[in-house]
N, C-alpha and C. Protein backbone atom coordinates (compact mmCIF):
# COMPACT_ATOMS: atom_id res chain seq x y z
N UNK A 1 0.70 80.01 73.64
CA UNK A 1 1.38 80.27 72.38
C UNK A 1 0.59 79.64 71.24
N UNK A 2 0.51 80.37 70.16
CA UNK A 2 -0.14 79.81 68.98
C UNK A 2 0.79 78.78 68.34
N UNK A 3 0.25 77.99 67.44
CA UNK A 3 1.08 77.01 66.75
C UNK A 3 2.18 77.70 65.95
N UNK A 4 1.86 78.84 65.37
CA UNK A 4 2.87 79.61 64.61
C UNK A 4 3.99 80.09 65.54
N UNK A 5 3.64 80.57 66.73
CA UNK A 5 4.64 81.02 67.70
C UNK A 5 5.50 79.85 68.17
N UNK A 6 4.88 78.69 68.36
CA UNK A 6 5.64 77.50 68.75
C UNK A 6 6.64 77.12 67.66
N UNK A 7 6.19 77.16 66.42
CA UNK A 7 7.07 76.83 65.29
C UNK A 7 8.23 77.83 65.22
N UNK A 8 7.94 79.10 65.46
CA UNK A 8 8.99 80.12 65.44
C UNK A 8 9.99 79.92 66.59
N UNK A 9 9.48 79.57 67.77
CA UNK A 9 10.36 79.33 68.91
C UNK A 9 11.31 78.16 68.62
N UNK A 10 10.75 77.08 68.10
CA UNK A 10 11.57 75.92 67.76
C UNK A 10 12.60 76.28 66.69
N UNK A 11 12.19 77.02 65.67
CA UNK A 11 13.12 77.44 64.61
C UNK A 11 14.23 78.32 65.17
N UNK A 12 13.89 79.19 66.12
CA UNK A 12 14.89 80.06 66.74
C UNK A 12 15.94 79.23 67.48
N UNK A 13 15.47 78.23 68.23
CA UNK A 13 16.40 77.37 68.96
C UNK A 13 17.28 76.56 68.00
N UNK A 14 16.68 76.01 66.96
CA UNK A 14 17.44 75.25 65.97
C UNK A 14 18.50 76.15 65.33
N UNK A 15 18.13 77.39 65.03
CA UNK A 15 19.07 78.34 64.44
C UNK A 15 20.25 78.60 65.38
N UNK A 16 19.98 78.81 66.65
CA UNK A 16 21.06 79.05 67.62
C UNK A 16 21.98 77.84 67.70
N UNK A 17 21.39 76.66 67.82
CA UNK A 17 22.21 75.47 68.01
C UNK A 17 22.90 75.01 66.74
N UNK A 18 22.38 75.36 65.58
CA UNK A 18 23.09 74.99 64.35
C UNK A 18 24.13 76.05 63.97
N UNK A 19 23.96 77.27 64.47
CA UNK A 19 24.88 78.34 64.11
C UNK A 19 25.91 78.68 65.16
N UNK A 20 25.51 78.76 66.41
CA UNK A 20 26.42 79.23 67.46
C UNK A 20 26.93 78.13 68.37
N UNK A 21 26.46 76.91 68.19
CA UNK A 21 26.83 75.83 69.11
C UNK A 21 27.83 74.87 68.51
N UNK A 22 28.46 75.25 67.42
CA UNK A 22 29.35 74.32 66.74
C UNK A 22 30.83 74.56 67.06
N UNK A 23 31.12 75.61 67.84
CA UNK A 23 32.50 75.84 68.27
C UNK A 23 32.84 74.92 69.43
N UNK A 24 34.11 74.84 69.75
CA UNK A 24 34.56 73.97 70.84
C UNK A 24 33.91 74.39 72.15
N UNK A 25 33.55 73.44 72.96
CA UNK A 25 32.93 73.67 74.26
C UNK A 25 34.03 73.75 75.30
N UNK A 26 34.52 74.96 75.54
CA UNK A 26 35.57 75.16 76.53
C UNK A 26 36.78 74.28 76.27
N UNK A 27 37.19 73.51 77.27
CA UNK A 27 38.34 72.63 77.14
C UNK A 27 37.95 71.22 76.72
N UNK A 28 36.65 70.99 76.52
CA UNK A 28 36.17 69.66 76.15
C UNK A 28 36.51 69.35 74.71
N UNK A 29 36.41 68.09 74.36
CA UNK A 29 36.68 67.66 72.98
C UNK A 29 35.40 67.57 72.16
N UNK A 30 34.36 68.22 72.64
CA UNK A 30 33.09 68.27 71.90
C UNK A 30 32.64 69.72 71.81
N UNK A 31 31.64 69.97 70.98
CA UNK A 31 31.10 71.32 70.88
C UNK A 31 29.83 71.45 71.72
N UNK A 32 29.29 72.66 71.78
CA UNK A 32 28.09 72.92 72.57
C UNK A 32 26.90 72.09 72.10
N UNK A 33 26.79 71.92 70.78
CA UNK A 33 25.67 71.14 70.25
C UNK A 33 25.74 69.69 70.73
N UNK A 34 26.92 69.09 70.64
CA UNK A 34 27.09 67.71 71.11
C UNK A 34 26.82 67.61 72.60
N UNK A 35 27.30 68.58 73.36
CA UNK A 35 27.06 68.59 74.80
C UNK A 35 25.56 68.67 75.08
N UNK A 36 24.86 69.52 74.36
CA UNK A 36 23.42 69.71 74.56
C UNK A 36 22.64 68.43 74.26
N UNK A 37 22.90 67.83 73.11
CA UNK A 37 22.11 66.64 72.74
C UNK A 37 22.49 65.43 73.59
N UNK A 38 23.75 65.35 74.00
CA UNK A 38 24.12 64.27 74.93
C UNK A 38 23.39 64.44 76.26
N UNK A 39 23.35 65.65 76.76
CA UNK A 39 22.68 65.90 78.03
C UNK A 39 21.20 65.53 77.93
N UNK A 40 20.55 65.96 76.87
CA UNK A 40 19.12 65.65 76.69
C UNK A 40 18.92 64.15 76.52
N UNK A 41 19.81 63.51 75.80
CA UNK A 41 19.73 62.06 75.62
C UNK A 41 19.80 61.35 76.97
N UNK A 42 20.76 61.75 77.81
CA UNK A 42 20.90 61.13 79.13
C UNK A 42 19.66 61.37 79.99
N UNK A 43 19.11 62.58 79.93
CA UNK A 43 17.90 62.88 80.71
C UNK A 43 16.74 62.01 80.23
N UNK A 44 16.61 61.88 78.93
CA UNK A 44 15.52 61.07 78.37
C UNK A 44 15.72 59.60 78.74
N UNK A 45 16.95 59.10 78.62
CA UNK A 45 17.26 57.71 78.93
C UNK A 45 16.98 57.39 80.41
N UNK A 46 17.22 58.38 81.28
CA UNK A 46 16.96 58.19 82.71
C UNK A 46 15.48 58.30 83.05
N UNK A 47 14.65 58.59 82.06
CA UNK A 47 13.22 58.67 82.30
C UNK A 47 12.79 59.93 83.04
N UNK A 48 13.59 60.97 82.94
CA UNK A 48 13.24 62.22 83.61
C UNK A 48 12.10 62.92 82.87
N UNK A 49 11.45 63.82 83.55
CA UNK A 49 10.31 64.54 82.98
C UNK A 49 10.73 65.27 81.70
N UNK A 50 9.81 65.44 80.77
CA UNK A 50 10.13 66.18 79.53
C UNK A 50 10.72 67.57 79.81
N UNK A 51 10.26 68.22 80.87
CA UNK A 51 10.81 69.55 81.20
C UNK A 51 12.29 69.46 81.56
N UNK A 52 12.71 68.39 82.22
CA UNK A 52 14.13 68.23 82.57
C UNK A 52 14.93 67.83 81.32
N UNK A 53 14.33 67.07 80.42
CA UNK A 53 14.99 66.76 79.15
C UNK A 53 15.28 68.06 78.40
N UNK A 54 14.29 68.95 78.33
CA UNK A 54 14.48 70.23 77.64
C UNK A 54 15.47 71.10 78.39
N UNK A 55 15.39 71.13 79.71
CA UNK A 55 16.37 71.90 80.50
C UNK A 55 17.78 71.39 80.23
N UNK A 56 17.93 70.06 80.15
CA UNK A 56 19.25 69.49 79.85
C UNK A 56 19.71 69.90 78.45
N UNK A 57 18.81 69.88 77.51
CA UNK A 57 19.14 70.28 76.13
C UNK A 57 19.59 71.74 76.05
N UNK A 58 18.93 72.60 76.80
CA UNK A 58 19.13 74.04 76.66
C UNK A 58 19.90 74.69 77.80
N UNK A 59 20.43 73.90 78.74
CA UNK A 59 21.00 74.48 79.96
C UNK A 59 22.16 75.43 79.73
N UNK A 60 22.87 75.29 78.64
CA UNK A 60 24.02 76.17 78.39
C UNK A 60 23.75 77.21 77.30
N UNK A 61 22.49 77.46 76.97
CA UNK A 61 22.19 78.44 75.94
C UNK A 61 22.74 79.83 76.30
N UNK A 62 22.87 80.09 77.58
CA UNK A 62 23.44 81.36 78.01
C UNK A 62 24.83 81.62 77.45
N UNK A 63 25.60 80.56 77.20
CA UNK A 63 26.93 80.72 76.58
C UNK A 63 26.81 81.22 75.14
N UNK A 64 25.66 80.99 74.54
CA UNK A 64 25.49 81.33 73.12
C UNK A 64 24.71 82.61 72.88
N UNK A 65 24.18 83.21 73.93
CA UNK A 65 23.42 84.44 73.75
C UNK A 65 24.14 85.65 74.36
N UNK A 66 25.40 85.49 74.68
CA UNK A 66 26.21 86.64 75.12
C UNK A 66 27.31 86.86 74.09
N UNK A 67 28.03 87.95 74.26
CA UNK A 67 29.11 88.27 73.31
C UNK A 67 30.47 88.32 74.01
N UNK A 68 30.68 87.40 74.94
CA UNK A 68 31.94 87.35 75.68
C UNK A 68 32.97 86.41 75.07
N UNK A 69 32.64 85.83 73.93
CA UNK A 69 33.58 84.92 73.27
C UNK A 69 33.33 83.48 73.65
N UNK A 70 34.16 82.60 73.10
CA UNK A 70 33.98 81.15 73.24
C UNK A 70 34.24 80.63 74.65
N UNK A 71 35.22 81.19 75.35
CA UNK A 71 35.61 80.61 76.65
C UNK A 71 35.98 81.71 77.65
N UNK A 72 34.98 82.46 78.15
CA UNK A 72 35.28 83.56 79.05
C UNK A 72 35.94 83.13 80.36
N UNK A 73 35.66 81.91 80.84
CA UNK A 73 36.27 81.45 82.09
C UNK A 73 37.79 81.43 81.99
N UNK A 74 38.32 81.16 80.80
CA UNK A 74 39.77 81.16 80.61
C UNK A 74 40.35 82.56 80.81
N UNK A 75 39.50 83.58 80.69
CA UNK A 75 39.92 84.97 80.90
C UNK A 75 39.56 85.45 82.30
N UNK A 76 39.09 84.52 83.15
CA UNK A 76 38.73 84.87 84.51
C UNK A 76 37.36 85.53 84.63
N UNK A 77 36.50 85.31 83.64
CA UNK A 77 35.17 85.93 83.63
C UNK A 77 34.11 84.86 83.86
N UNK A 78 33.25 85.10 84.83
CA UNK A 78 32.06 84.26 85.02
C UNK A 78 30.98 84.87 84.14
N UNK A 79 30.61 84.18 83.08
CA UNK A 79 29.62 84.73 82.15
C UNK A 79 28.19 84.64 82.67
N UNK A 80 28.00 84.03 83.83
CA UNK A 80 26.69 83.86 84.45
C UNK A 80 25.69 83.29 83.44
N UNK A 81 26.17 82.30 82.71
CA UNK A 81 25.37 81.72 81.62
C UNK A 81 24.07 81.11 82.11
N UNK A 82 24.05 80.66 83.37
CA UNK A 82 22.83 80.07 83.90
C UNK A 82 21.72 81.12 84.03
N UNK A 83 22.09 82.33 84.43
CA UNK A 83 21.11 83.41 84.56
C UNK A 83 20.72 83.97 83.20
N UNK A 84 21.72 84.20 82.36
CA UNK A 84 21.43 84.68 81.00
C UNK A 84 20.55 83.71 80.25
N UNK A 85 20.87 82.43 80.36
CA UNK A 85 20.11 81.41 79.66
C UNK A 85 18.68 81.32 80.15
N UNK A 86 18.50 81.27 81.46
CA UNK A 86 17.15 81.18 82.01
C UNK A 86 16.33 82.42 81.65
N UNK A 87 16.96 83.59 81.73
CA UNK A 87 16.25 84.82 81.37
C UNK A 87 15.88 84.84 79.89
N UNK A 88 16.73 84.30 79.04
CA UNK A 88 16.45 84.24 77.61
C UNK A 88 15.31 83.23 77.35
N UNK A 89 15.36 82.09 78.00
CA UNK A 89 14.38 81.02 77.78
C UNK A 89 12.99 81.35 78.32
N UNK A 90 12.90 82.24 79.31
CA UNK A 90 11.62 82.50 79.97
C UNK A 90 10.57 83.05 79.00
N UNK A 91 10.98 83.62 77.90
CA UNK A 91 10.00 84.12 76.92
C UNK A 91 9.22 82.99 76.27
N UNK A 92 9.82 81.80 76.25
CA UNK A 92 9.20 80.66 75.56
C UNK A 92 8.71 79.55 76.50
N UNK A 93 9.44 79.31 77.59
CA UNK A 93 9.25 78.09 78.36
C UNK A 93 8.67 78.31 79.75
N UNK A 94 8.08 77.24 80.25
CA UNK A 94 7.52 77.22 81.60
C UNK A 94 8.66 77.15 82.62
N UNK A 95 8.32 77.45 83.87
CA UNK A 95 9.31 77.43 84.95
C UNK A 95 9.96 76.06 85.13
N UNK A 96 9.24 75.00 84.81
CA UNK A 96 9.79 73.64 84.95
C UNK A 96 11.03 73.45 84.07
N UNK A 97 11.18 74.26 83.04
CA UNK A 97 12.37 74.25 82.19
C UNK A 97 13.36 75.31 82.64
N UNK A 98 12.88 76.53 82.83
CA UNK A 98 13.81 77.64 83.07
C UNK A 98 14.48 77.61 84.44
N UNK A 99 13.76 77.14 85.46
CA UNK A 99 14.35 77.17 86.80
C UNK A 99 15.49 76.16 86.99
N UNK A 100 15.38 74.92 86.50
CA UNK A 100 16.57 74.06 86.58
C UNK A 100 17.77 74.64 85.82
N UNK A 101 17.52 75.32 84.71
CA UNK A 101 18.61 75.99 83.98
C UNK A 101 19.22 77.05 84.87
N UNK A 102 18.38 77.87 85.48
CA UNK A 102 18.85 78.96 86.36
C UNK A 102 19.67 78.41 87.54
N UNK A 103 19.31 77.23 88.01
CA UNK A 103 19.92 76.68 89.22
C UNK A 103 21.04 75.66 88.97
N UNK A 104 21.36 75.36 87.71
CA UNK A 104 22.32 74.26 87.50
C UNK A 104 23.73 74.58 87.96
N UNK A 105 24.13 75.84 87.98
CA UNK A 105 25.44 76.19 88.53
C UNK A 105 25.41 76.10 90.05
N UNK A 106 24.33 76.56 90.66
CA UNK A 106 24.19 76.41 92.11
C UNK A 106 24.20 74.93 92.48
N UNK A 107 23.62 74.09 91.63
CA UNK A 107 23.62 72.65 91.89
C UNK A 107 25.04 72.08 91.87
N UNK A 108 25.88 72.59 90.99
CA UNK A 108 27.28 72.15 90.99
C UNK A 108 27.96 72.54 92.29
N UNK A 109 27.76 73.77 92.71
CA UNK A 109 28.34 74.23 93.97
C UNK A 109 27.82 73.39 95.14
N UNK A 110 26.53 73.09 95.11
CA UNK A 110 25.90 72.28 96.14
C UNK A 110 26.51 70.88 96.19
N UNK A 111 26.59 70.22 95.03
CA UNK A 111 27.13 68.86 94.99
C UNK A 111 28.59 68.81 95.43
N UNK A 112 29.36 69.82 95.08
CA UNK A 112 30.76 69.86 95.51
C UNK A 112 30.87 70.02 97.03
N UNK A 113 29.85 70.57 97.63
CA UNK A 113 29.85 70.78 99.08
C UNK A 113 29.36 69.55 99.84
N UNK A 114 28.29 68.93 99.34
CA UNK A 114 27.65 67.86 100.12
C UNK A 114 28.14 66.46 99.77
N UNK A 115 28.82 66.30 98.65
CA UNK A 115 29.35 64.98 98.27
C UNK A 115 30.87 65.06 98.15
N UNK A 116 31.54 64.32 99.00
CA UNK A 116 33.00 64.39 99.07
C UNK A 116 33.69 64.15 97.73
N UNK A 117 33.20 63.22 96.93
CA UNK A 117 33.91 62.86 95.70
C UNK A 117 33.42 63.60 94.45
N UNK A 118 32.36 64.39 94.55
CA UNK A 118 31.82 65.03 93.35
C UNK A 118 32.85 65.95 92.69
N UNK A 119 33.52 66.76 93.49
CA UNK A 119 34.51 67.70 92.96
C UNK A 119 35.57 66.99 92.13
N UNK A 120 35.99 65.82 92.56
CA UNK A 120 37.09 65.12 91.89
C UNK A 120 36.66 64.49 90.56
N UNK A 121 35.38 64.50 90.28
CA UNK A 121 34.88 64.00 89.00
C UNK A 121 34.55 65.11 88.01
N UNK A 122 34.81 66.36 88.39
CA UNK A 122 34.52 67.47 87.50
C UNK A 122 35.54 67.54 86.37
N UNK A 123 35.09 68.02 85.22
CA UNK A 123 36.00 68.27 84.11
C UNK A 123 36.89 69.47 84.47
N UNK A 124 37.98 69.65 83.71
CA UNK A 124 38.88 70.79 83.95
C UNK A 124 38.12 72.11 83.87
N UNK A 125 37.25 72.23 82.87
CA UNK A 125 36.43 73.44 82.72
C UNK A 125 35.58 73.70 83.96
N UNK A 126 34.94 72.65 84.45
CA UNK A 126 34.04 72.81 85.59
C UNK A 126 34.79 73.20 86.85
N UNK A 127 36.00 72.69 87.02
CA UNK A 127 36.82 73.08 88.17
C UNK A 127 37.18 74.56 88.07
N UNK A 128 37.61 74.97 86.88
CA UNK A 128 38.00 76.37 86.69
C UNK A 128 36.81 77.30 86.90
N UNK A 129 35.67 76.95 86.32
CA UNK A 129 34.51 77.83 86.45
C UNK A 129 33.94 77.82 87.87
N UNK A 130 34.09 76.72 88.60
CA UNK A 130 33.59 76.66 89.98
C UNK A 130 34.17 77.78 90.82
N UNK A 131 35.44 78.05 90.67
CA UNK A 131 36.08 79.13 91.42
C UNK A 131 35.41 80.46 91.11
N UNK A 132 35.15 80.71 89.82
CA UNK A 132 34.53 81.97 89.40
C UNK A 132 33.08 82.08 89.86
N UNK A 133 32.44 80.94 90.05
CA UNK A 133 31.02 80.89 90.39
C UNK A 133 30.74 80.90 91.88
N UNK A 134 31.77 81.01 92.69
CA UNK A 134 31.58 81.12 94.13
C UNK A 134 32.08 79.95 94.94
N UNK A 135 32.57 78.90 94.28
CA UNK A 135 33.11 77.76 95.01
C UNK A 135 32.03 76.99 95.76
N UNK A 136 32.48 76.27 96.76
CA UNK A 136 31.55 75.46 97.56
C UNK A 136 30.58 76.36 98.33
N UNK A 137 29.42 75.82 98.64
CA UNK A 137 28.38 76.59 99.32
C UNK A 137 28.59 76.61 100.84
N UNK A 138 28.13 77.68 101.43
CA UNK A 138 28.05 77.75 102.89
C UNK A 138 26.79 77.02 103.33
N UNK A 139 26.67 76.79 104.62
CA UNK A 139 25.46 76.14 105.15
C UNK A 139 24.22 76.96 104.82
N UNK A 140 24.34 78.28 104.92
CA UNK A 140 23.19 79.15 104.60
C UNK A 140 22.82 79.04 103.12
N UNK A 141 23.82 78.97 102.25
CA UNK A 141 23.54 78.82 100.81
C UNK A 141 22.89 77.48 100.51
N UNK A 142 23.32 76.43 101.20
CA UNK A 142 22.70 75.11 101.02
C UNK A 142 21.22 75.18 101.41
N UNK A 143 20.94 75.75 102.55
CA UNK A 143 19.56 75.85 103.01
C UNK A 143 18.71 76.67 102.04
N UNK A 144 19.27 77.75 101.53
CA UNK A 144 18.55 78.60 100.58
C UNK A 144 18.31 77.85 99.26
N UNK A 145 19.31 77.15 98.78
CA UNK A 145 19.18 76.37 97.54
C UNK A 145 18.07 75.34 97.68
N UNK A 146 18.02 74.66 98.80
CA UNK A 146 17.03 73.61 99.01
C UNK A 146 15.61 74.14 99.22
N UNK A 147 15.45 75.43 99.32
CA UNK A 147 14.12 76.03 99.42
C UNK A 147 13.44 76.12 98.05
N UNK A 148 14.22 76.05 96.99
CA UNK A 148 13.64 76.14 95.65
C UNK A 148 12.84 74.88 95.34
N UNK A 149 11.71 75.05 94.72
CA UNK A 149 10.90 73.91 94.30
C UNK A 149 11.61 73.09 93.22
N UNK A 150 12.65 73.65 92.63
CA UNK A 150 13.33 73.01 91.49
C UNK A 150 14.73 72.50 91.81
N UNK A 151 15.10 72.49 93.09
CA UNK A 151 16.48 72.12 93.42
C UNK A 151 16.81 70.69 93.03
N UNK A 152 15.88 69.76 93.18
CA UNK A 152 16.17 68.37 92.83
C UNK A 152 16.32 68.19 91.33
N UNK A 153 15.51 68.90 90.54
CA UNK A 153 15.67 68.86 89.08
C UNK A 153 17.01 69.46 88.68
N UNK A 154 17.41 70.53 89.36
CA UNK A 154 18.70 71.16 89.06
C UNK A 154 19.86 70.22 89.38
N UNK A 155 19.76 69.47 90.46
CA UNK A 155 20.80 68.50 90.81
C UNK A 155 20.85 67.39 89.76
N UNK A 156 19.69 66.89 89.34
CA UNK A 156 19.65 65.87 88.29
C UNK A 156 20.28 66.41 87.00
N UNK A 157 19.95 67.64 86.66
CA UNK A 157 20.51 68.28 85.47
C UNK A 157 22.02 68.41 85.60
N UNK A 158 22.49 68.81 86.76
CA UNK A 158 23.94 69.00 86.96
C UNK A 158 24.69 67.68 86.83
N UNK A 159 24.14 66.61 87.34
CA UNK A 159 24.80 65.30 87.20
C UNK A 159 24.90 64.92 85.71
N UNK A 160 23.85 65.19 84.97
CA UNK A 160 23.83 64.91 83.53
C UNK A 160 24.84 65.81 82.81
N UNK A 161 24.91 67.05 83.23
CA UNK A 161 25.83 68.02 82.61
C UNK A 161 27.25 67.46 82.58
N UNK A 162 27.68 66.91 83.67
CA UNK A 162 29.06 66.40 83.74
C UNK A 162 29.23 65.14 82.88
N UNK A 163 28.19 64.34 82.75
CA UNK A 163 28.25 63.11 81.93
C UNK A 163 28.30 63.42 80.43
N UNK A 164 27.78 64.57 80.04
CA UNK A 164 27.54 64.88 78.63
C UNK A 164 28.72 65.61 77.97
N UNK A 165 29.90 65.06 78.15
CA UNK A 165 31.11 65.67 77.58
C UNK A 165 31.98 64.61 76.91
N UNK A 166 31.33 63.60 76.37
CA UNK A 166 32.01 62.43 75.83
C UNK A 166 32.09 62.52 74.30
N UNK A 167 33.30 62.63 73.74
CA UNK A 167 33.41 62.73 72.28
C UNK A 167 32.90 61.49 71.55
N UNK A 168 32.76 60.39 72.26
CA UNK A 168 32.24 59.16 71.64
C UNK A 168 30.82 58.86 72.12
N UNK A 169 30.23 59.80 72.83
CA UNK A 169 28.89 59.60 73.39
C UNK A 169 27.80 59.74 72.34
N UNK A 170 26.57 59.53 72.75
CA UNK A 170 25.44 59.61 71.82
C UNK A 170 25.30 61.02 71.24
N UNK A 171 24.96 61.09 69.96
CA UNK A 171 24.81 62.38 69.28
C UNK A 171 23.51 62.43 68.48
N UNK A 172 22.36 62.31 69.13
CA UNK A 172 21.12 62.39 68.36
C UNK A 172 20.94 63.80 67.78
N UNK A 173 20.22 63.92 66.68
CA UNK A 173 19.97 65.26 66.12
C UNK A 173 19.16 66.13 67.09
N UNK A 174 19.44 67.40 67.08
CA UNK A 174 18.74 68.36 67.94
C UNK A 174 17.22 68.25 67.75
N UNK A 175 16.80 68.12 66.51
CA UNK A 175 15.36 68.08 66.22
C UNK A 175 14.67 66.84 66.79
N UNK A 176 15.44 65.82 67.19
CA UNK A 176 14.83 64.65 67.83
C UNK A 176 14.12 65.02 69.14
N UNK A 177 14.47 66.17 69.69
CA UNK A 177 13.89 66.60 70.96
C UNK A 177 12.73 67.58 70.76
N UNK A 178 12.29 67.73 69.52
CA UNK A 178 11.17 68.64 69.22
C UNK A 178 9.92 68.31 70.01
N UNK A 179 9.53 67.03 70.18
CA UNK A 179 8.32 66.76 70.96
C UNK A 179 8.39 67.31 72.40
N UNK A 180 9.53 67.13 73.04
CA UNK A 180 9.68 67.64 74.40
C UNK A 180 9.69 69.17 74.41
N UNK A 181 10.37 69.75 73.43
CA UNK A 181 10.41 71.22 73.34
C UNK A 181 8.99 71.76 73.18
N UNK A 182 8.28 71.25 72.20
CA UNK A 182 6.92 71.74 71.92
C UNK A 182 5.98 71.50 73.11
N UNK A 183 6.20 70.43 73.84
CA UNK A 183 5.35 70.11 74.98
C UNK A 183 5.61 70.94 76.22
N UNK A 184 6.73 71.67 76.24
CA UNK A 184 7.06 72.48 77.43
C UNK A 184 7.04 73.97 77.16
N UNK A 185 6.62 74.38 75.98
CA UNK A 185 6.47 75.79 75.67
C UNK A 185 5.28 76.36 76.45
N UNK A 186 5.33 77.65 76.72
CA UNK A 186 4.22 78.30 77.41
C UNK A 186 2.96 78.19 76.56
N UNK A 187 1.83 78.20 77.23
CA UNK A 187 0.54 78.19 76.51
C UNK A 187 0.28 79.53 75.86
């Protein structure tokens, strides 16, 4: 990507997050923008790779690039935001960013299956959407999930996802993550 294309990609993301991410985030007491920057903050604080920081920042972009409304799960619709988001992001980002985004819902299903207490720590939204997303994984689904080169990043992202719903949590500006964004764009 040229420097001009990188600048345009960053501006496009800033536009989405300043315009479409300010509505309420499902049943949470924060909006999508707060959820995104909290997730990226947690990833950065944990010392995760810049690609995982960006994946954490952008993991729910799929909710903002469809026209199903603010909370489709409440209507019994799985918006498949993980697939929409990863497919949207692939025009700009390397697989190290897009694949954890694509797999973060599978990671929730995985964690609910392999860790006895994970399900009980889910937010109300996550419990509701889990049903729509296929529920707990079968043994075959677990084995298939673990074949991905990005499954561990997706699990790290999913753990952060659940942490990043705190109305009193950190709220750094979106643009604070520009270095990581610019560093993970395609060449």
